[in-house]
Amino acid sequence: MGKTNLELVHECDKFPYYEDDRAFYAAHLKNFHAFKVSGCDSVLGYILNSVVEKFYWPEDCWSIDSTNQTVTLVTPPDATADQRSQLVAKTLDEAVKRGTFEILKGWRNELYPVYGPGGEFLLEMERSASPLFGIVSYGIHGTCYVEDENGLRIWIPRRSRTKQTYPSMLDNTVAGGMSTGEKPYECLIREAMEEASLPEDVMRKTAISVGCVTYFYVRDSRAGGETDLLQPEVEYVYDMKLSADIIPKPGDSEVEEFNLYTVEETKKALANGEFKPNCAVVLIDFFIRHGILTPENEPDYMEIVARIHRRLEYPTASHATK
């Protein structure tokens, strides 16, 4: 018996819900310290207690409150985002020098933003460090498909067997994280060329914004590095209906090959657990939007729809062009 769609969603949206069991939720939070920045009342992420114990926290800029279980970046009231970012960067540099965390061996040289209430940009940090702090990250996922006399078929890539995260697993046609200041659509255009060799003009003609999925992932061994780190994510979702003569091809070392999967082949691969967890969620969303998964044929329909559009507990940002 393969995995159900709800089980696939649970693999991706794994952090408990307060509403389901308040006592369990409160007890579970005891495993974490809240990440905060001075001058901002909001919790910006949750850091595993074991991570807090391993980090070297310079006393001139970090306050660790073991009683209230908080880790606060302490800066002057007039501190800028750049100043906060520099302090975090120095802390991470020291962790790298000491070899404190496996996850930092996958250093990406990409910066992820951290937002406060109202979408205020507070700071940015190295992408590979973001799960250590449990901050919200943002990305894009695009599904390329063909629809003709043979029915609907989806372009599915297989990740490189040497990739640090989720090696050899199936993925979405185009996917990637959004760095500081990057807009979703421009991220999609960049990733499409880098990963799938899809020309910019083709993407601008075919890519349609179709919503977003949100979930609260808890990292396992397949993600690389330390396990049980928290990774709440917002993924902006796009559909690209391609003509038969447009064929995605690997554009970098991250993808081994692309293949056209029928809907039934995709469902089978999902049930077999062949997809990276958040890619499974994006495909389930695709099936819902295209009328393939319906209230009549999916017994867990309502819970699935709710779980893949989770209201995250942290401040999030708008990416609307100002």
Protein backbone atom coordinates (compact mmCIF):
# COMPACT_ATOMS: atom_id res chain seq x y z
CA MET A 1 0.00 0.00 0.00
CA GLY A 2 1.52 3.34 -1.06
CA LYS A 3 1.38 6.65 0.72
CA THR A 4 -1.89 8.57 0.68
CA ASN A 5 -1.99 12.20 -0.40
CA LEU A 6 -2.62 13.26 3.19
CA GLU A 7 0.42 11.27 4.35
CA LEU A 8 2.51 13.06 1.72
CA VAL A 9 1.22 16.41 2.97
CA HIS A 10 2.01 15.42 6.56
CA GLU A 11 5.61 14.63 5.59
CA CYS A 12 5.97 18.24 4.48
CA ASP A 13 3.71 20.03 6.98
CA LYS A 14 5.01 18.20 10.03
CA PHE A 15 5.13 20.77 12.83
CA PRO A 16 2.20 20.28 15.23
CA TYR A 17 -0.85 22.54 15.25
CA TYR A 18 -1.81 24.38 18.43
CA GLU A 19 -5.51 23.80 17.72
CA ASP A 20 -5.11 20.00 17.53
CA ASP A 21 -3.67 19.48 21.02
CA ARG A 22 -2.78 22.57 23.02
CA ALA A 23 -1.04 20.69 25.81
CA PHE A 24 1.12 18.70 23.37
CA TYR A 25 1.94 21.86 21.42
CA ALA A 26 3.04 23.72 24.55
CA ALA A 27 5.17 20.75 25.64
CA HIS A 28 6.69 20.48 22.15
CA LEU A 29 7.77 24.14 22.19
CA LYS A 30 9.92 23.36 25.23
CA ASN A 31 12.35 21.77 22.74
CA PHE A 32 13.09 25.19 21.24
CA HIS A 33 14.30 28.70 21.98
CA ALA A 34 12.48 31.55 20.25
CA PHE A 35 14.67 33.63 17.92
CA LYS A 36 14.08 37.35 18.39
CA VAL A 37 15.65 40.70 17.55
CA SER A 38 15.74 43.53 20.04
CA GLY A 39 13.11 46.14 19.33
CA CYS A 40 10.80 43.59 17.71
CA ASP A 41 8.32 41.70 19.87
CA SER A 42 7.63 38.96 17.33
CA VAL A 43 9.13 35.49 17.34
CA LEU A 44 11.05 35.18 14.05
CA GLY A 45 11.86 31.48 14.26
CA TYR A 46 12.43 28.57 16.62
CA ILE A 47 15.93 27.23 17.35
CA LEU A 48 16.40 23.69 18.66
CA ASN A 49 17.72 23.65 22.22
CA SER A 50 20.60 21.43 21.08
CA VAL A 51 21.54 24.06 18.48
CA VAL A 52 21.44 26.82 21.10
CA GLU A 53 23.84 24.79 23.26
CA LYS A 54 26.31 24.23 20.41
CA PHE A 55 26.45 27.78 19.05
CA TYR A 56 29.12 30.22 20.21
CA TRP A 57 27.06 33.33 21.01
CA PRO A 58 29.19 36.50 21.39
CA GLU A 59 27.93 38.22 24.54
CA ASP A 60 28.22 41.69 23.02
CA CYS A 61 25.38 41.03 20.58
CA TRP A 62 23.42 37.98 21.78
CA SER A 63 21.27 37.49 24.86
CA ILE A 64 20.37 33.90 25.79
CA ASP A 65 17.51 33.61 28.28
CA SER A 66 17.32 29.98 29.40
CA THR A 67 14.32 30.61 31.64
CA ASN A 68 12.10 32.11 28.95
CA GLN A 69 13.88 30.11 26.23
CA THR A 70 14.75 33.01 23.95
CA VAL A 71 17.76 33.87 21.79
CA THR A 72 17.82 37.61 21.06
CA LEU A 73 20.08 39.51 18.69
CA VAL A 74 20.85 42.64 20.74
CA THR A 75 21.46 45.82 18.77
CA PRO A 76 21.01 49.58 19.36
CA PRO A 77 17.51 50.97 18.70
CA ASP A 78 18.74 52.69 15.53
CA ALA A 79 20.49 49.60 14.13
CA THR A 80 20.09 49.02 10.40
CA ALA A 81 19.32 45.75 8.65
CA ASP A 82 22.88 45.72 7.34
CA GLN A 83 24.32 46.07 10.85
CA ARG A 84 22.16 43.23 12.16
CA SER A 85 23.15 41.09 9.18
CA GLN A 86 26.85 41.67 9.82
CA LEU A 87 26.50 40.49 13.42
CA VAL A 88 24.70 37.31 12.33
CA ALA A 89 27.32 36.76 9.60
CA LYS A 90 30.17 36.99 12.14
CA THR A 91 28.41 34.48 14.38
CA LEU A 92 28.00 32.08 11.48
CA ASP A 93 31.60 32.55 10.34
CA GLU A 94 32.75 31.49 13.79
CA ALA A 95 30.49 28.43 13.66
CA VAL A 96 32.03 27.47 10.32
CA LYS A 97 35.58 27.90 11.67
CA ARG A 98 34.73 25.67 14.63
CA GLY A 99 32.98 23.09 12.44
CA THR A 100 29.98 23.26 14.76
CA PHE A 101 27.24 22.25 12.35
CA GLU A 102 27.08 19.77 9.48
CA ILE A 103 24.45 21.85 7.69
CA LEU A 104 26.88 24.76 7.27
CA LYS A 105 29.20 22.54 5.23
CA GLY A 106 26.63 23.07 2.48
CA TRP A 107 27.33 26.84 2.45
CA ARG A 108 25.48 28.39 -0.51
CA ASN A 109 26.68 32.01 -0.64
CA GLU A 110 23.04 33.03 -0.98
CA LEU A 111 21.30 35.35 1.46
CA TYR A 112 17.80 34.81 2.81
CA PRO A 113 15.81 37.68 4.30
CA VAL A 114 14.21 37.83 7.74
CA TYR A 115 11.10 39.99 8.08
CA GLY A 116 9.32 41.53 11.03
CA PRO A 117 5.68 42.61 11.36
CA GLY A 118 4.34 44.44 8.34
CA GLY A 119 7.05 42.92 6.17
CA GLU A 120 9.80 45.08 7.71
CA PHE A 121 13.19 43.84 6.46
CA LEU A 122 15.19 43.14 9.62
CA LEU A 123 18.26 41.28 8.38
CA GLU A 124 19.55 38.61 6.02
CA MET A 125 21.54 35.45 6.64
CA GLU A 126 23.31 32.69 4.74
CA ARG A 127 20.77 30.33 3.18
CA SER A 128 22.24 27.15 4.65
CA ALA A 129 21.95 28.63 8.15
CA SER A 130 18.26 29.48 7.90
CA PRO A 131 17.04 26.12 9.30
CA LEU A 132 19.31 26.57 12.34
CA PHE A 133 17.24 29.65 13.21
CA GLY A 134 13.91 28.24 11.97
CA ILE A 135 13.08 31.37 9.95
CA VAL A 136 10.49 31.55 7.15
CA SER A 137 12.04 31.10 3.72
CA TYR A 138 10.55 31.90 0.32
CA GLY A 139 10.83 30.20 -3.04
CA ILE A 140 9.17 29.34 -6.33
CA HIS A 141 7.99 26.05 -7.84
CA GLY A 142 6.88 25.73 -11.44
CA THR A 143 5.19 22.81 -13.19
CA CYS A 144 5.70 22.45 -16.93
CA TYR A 145 3.17 20.25 -18.67
CA VAL A 146 1.98 19.20 -22.11
CA GLU A 147 -1.69 18.68 -22.98
CA ASP A 148 -2.53 17.10 -26.34
CA GLU A 149 -4.28 14.08 -27.85
CA ASN A 150 -2.26 11.90 -25.43
CA GLY A 151 -3.71 13.72 -22.42
CA LEU A 152 -1.95 15.76 -19.74
CA ARG A 153 1.69 14.91 -19.08
CA ILE A 154 4.12 16.59 -16.69
CA TRP A 155 7.83 17.30 -17.11
CA ILE A 156 9.48 15.70 -14.06
CA PRO A 157 13.20 16.08 -13.30
CA ARG A 158 15.33 13.70 -11.26
CA ARG A 159 17.73 15.38 -8.87
CA SER A 160 21.43 14.65 -9.17
CA ARG A 161 22.65 11.65 -7.18
CA THR A 162 25.51 13.84 -5.88
CA LYS A 163 23.25 16.66 -4.66
CA GLN A 164 23.66 17.39 -0.93
CA THR A 165 19.91 17.48 -0.33
CA TYR A 166 17.41 14.81 -1.41
CA PRO A 167 19.78 13.13 -3.92
CA SER A 168 18.15 11.18 -6.80
CA MET A 169 14.62 12.14 -5.74
CA LEU A 170 12.03 13.47 -8.18
CA ASP A 171 11.38 17.22 -8.23
CA ASN A 172 9.21 19.91 -9.80
CA THR A 173 10.17 21.10 -13.28
CA VAL A 174 11.56 24.38 -11.95
CA ALA A 175 12.19 25.26 -8.31
CA GLY A 176 14.45 27.46 -6.25
CA GLY A 177 14.84 29.73 -3.26
CA MET A 178 14.35 33.50 -3.37
CA SER A 179 17.31 35.56 -2.22
CA THR A 180 16.98 38.94 -0.52
CA GLY A 181 15.29 41.45 -2.79
CA GLU A 182 14.31 38.92 -5.45
CA LYS A 183 10.75 38.85 -6.77
CA PRO A 184 8.98 35.50 -7.35
CA TYR A 185 8.53 35.89 -11.11
CA GLU A 186 12.13 36.92 -11.72
CA CYS A 187 13.30 34.01 -9.56
CA LEU A 188 11.23 31.68 -11.73
CA ILE A 189 12.78 33.06 -14.92
CA ARG A 190 16.30 32.65 -13.51
CA GLU A 191 15.77 29.14 -12.20
CA ALA A 192 14.08 28.00 -15.43
CA MET A 193 17.17 28.87 -17.45
CA GLU A 194 19.66 27.58 -14.88
CA GLU A 195 17.97 24.26 -14.10
CA ALA A 196 15.88 23.42 -17.17
CA SER A 197 17.46 25.43 -20.04
CA LEU A 198 14.08 27.05 -20.70
CA PRO A 199 14.54 30.37 -22.56
CA GLU A 200 13.32 33.57 -20.96
CA ASP A 201 10.96 34.40 -23.83
CA VAL A 202 9.25 31.02 -23.52
CA MET A 203 8.80 31.46 -19.78
CA ARG A 204 7.41 34.97 -20.07
CA LYS A 205 4.86 33.74 -22.61
CA THR A 206 3.77 30.61 -20.74
CA ALA A 207 4.30 31.10 -16.99
CA ILE A 208 1.09 31.76 -15.08
CA SER A 209 1.04 32.60 -11.37
CA VAL A 210 -1.45 30.21 -9.78
CA GLY A 211 -1.06 30.85 -6.05
CA CYS A 212 1.24 29.66 -3.32
CA VAL A 213 1.61 26.79 -0.88
CA THR A 214 2.72 27.21 2.73
CA TYR A 215 3.77 24.55 5.22
CA PHE A 216 5.97 23.97 8.27
CA TYR A 217 8.62 21.39 7.42
CA VAL A 218 10.76 19.51 9.93
CA ARG A 219 14.01 18.40 8.31
CA ASP A 220 14.98 14.71 8.22
CA SER A 221 18.20 12.98 7.15
CA ARG A 222 17.38 13.33 3.44
CA ALA A 223 17.72 17.12 3.74
CA GLY A 224 21.37 16.85 4.78
CA GLY A 225 22.94 18.09 7.99
CA GLU A 226 21.31 18.09 11.40
CA THR A 227 17.81 16.63 11.68
CA ASP A 228 14.68 18.08 13.33
CA LEU A 229 15.57 21.64 12.29
CA LEU A 230 12.53 23.75 11.43
CA GLN A 231 11.85 25.08 7.94
CA PRO A 232 8.58 27.00 7.53
CA GLU A 233 8.25 27.94 3.86
CA VAL A 234 6.23 29.99 1.39
CA GLU A 235 6.42 28.68 -2.17
CA TYR A 236 4.95 30.74 -5.01
CA VAL A 237 3.50 28.38 -7.61
CA TYR A 238 3.47 28.67 -11.41
CA ASP A 239 2.06 26.61 -14.26
CA MET A 240 3.69 26.53 -17.70
CA LYS A 241 1.82 24.80 -20.53
CA LEU A 242 4.45 23.97 -23.14
CA SER A 243 4.16 22.97 -26.78
CA ALA A 244 5.59 19.59 -27.78
CA ASP A 245 8.72 21.16 -29.29
CA ILE A 246 9.81 22.81 -26.01
CA ILE A 247 11.78 20.23 -24.06
CA PRO A 248 13.41 21.00 -20.69
CA LYS A 249 17.05 19.93 -20.47
CA PRO A 250 19.44 19.93 -17.50
CA GLY A 251 21.21 23.27 -17.37
CA ASP A 252 23.44 22.63 -14.36
CA SER A 253 24.68 19.79 -12.18
CA GLU A 254 21.57 19.76 -9.97
CA VAL A 255 19.38 17.72 -12.35
CA GLU A 256 20.20 14.42 -14.05
CA GLU A 257 17.32 14.18 -16.52
CA PHE A 258 13.78 15.27 -17.39
CA ASN A 259 11.01 12.86 -18.34
CA LEU A 260 7.37 13.27 -19.33
CA TYR A 261 5.10 11.56 -16.80
CA THR A 262 1.44 10.81 -17.33
CA VAL A 263 -0.92 11.69 -14.49
CA GLU A 264 -1.09 8.03 -13.47
CA GLU A 265 2.70 7.68 -13.54
CA THR A 266 3.00 10.82 -11.40
CA LYS A 267 0.43 9.51 -8.91
CA LYS A 268 2.32 6.21 -8.66
CA ALA A 269 5.65 7.97 -8.07
CA LEU A 270 4.00 10.11 -5.39
CA ALA A 271 2.54 7.07 -3.64
CA ASN A 272 5.97 5.40 -3.76
CA GLY A 273 7.54 8.37 -1.98
CA GLU A 274 9.85 9.20 -4.89
CA PHE A 275 9.33 12.98 -4.73
CA LYS A 276 11.09 15.50 -2.53
CA PRO A 277 8.48 16.31 0.19
CA ASN A 278 7.60 19.87 -0.82
CA CYS A 279 7.53 18.90 -4.51
CA ALA A 280 4.89 16.31 -3.67
CA VAL A 281 2.81 19.08 -2.09
CA VAL A 282 3.16 21.29 -5.19
CA LEU A 283 1.98 18.43 -7.42
CA ILE A 284 -0.98 17.71 -5.14
CA ASP A 285 -1.87 21.39 -5.44
CA PHE A 286 -1.53 21.08 -9.25
CA PHE A 287 -3.90 18.09 -9.24
CA ILE A 288 -6.45 20.00 -7.16
CA ARG A 289 -6.35 23.07 -9.41
CA HIS A 290 -6.67 20.98 -12.57
CA GLY A 291 -9.63 18.99 -11.27
CA ILE A 292 -7.69 15.73 -11.01
CA LEU A 293 -8.11 15.58 -7.22
CA THR A 294 -11.67 16.44 -6.24
CA PRO A 295 -13.92 16.25 -3.16
CA GLU A 296 -15.51 13.19 -4.79
CA ASN A 297 -12.35 11.12 -5.28
CA GLU A 298 -10.15 12.30 -2.36
CA PRO A 299 -11.52 11.47 1.11
CA ASP A 300 -9.08 13.86 2.84
CA TYR A 301 -9.71 16.73 0.41
CA MET A 302 -10.61 19.45 2.95
CA GLU A 303 -7.70 18.70 5.28
CA ILE A 304 -5.25 18.55 2.38
CA VAL A 305 -6.35 21.94 1.04
CA ALA A 306 -6.06 23.49 4.51
CA ARG A 307 -2.69 21.94 5.31
CA ILE A 308 -0.97 23.10 2.13
CA HIS A 309 -2.11 26.66 2.82
CA ARG A 310 -0.98 26.86 6.43
CA ARG A 311 -1.13 30.19 8.24
CA LEU A 312 2.43 30.51 9.51
CA GLU A 313 3.05 31.69 13.05
CA TYR A 314 5.72 34.22 12.12
CA PRO A 315 5.68 37.58 10.35
CA THR A 316 5.68 37.17 6.57
CA ALA A 317 6.33 39.60 3.74
CA SER A 318 4.46 40.78 0.69
CA HIS A 319 6.38 40.54 -2.57
CA ALA A 320 4.14 43.01 -4.38
CA THR A 321 6.04 45.51 -6.49
CA LYS A 322 5.93 48.92 -4.84
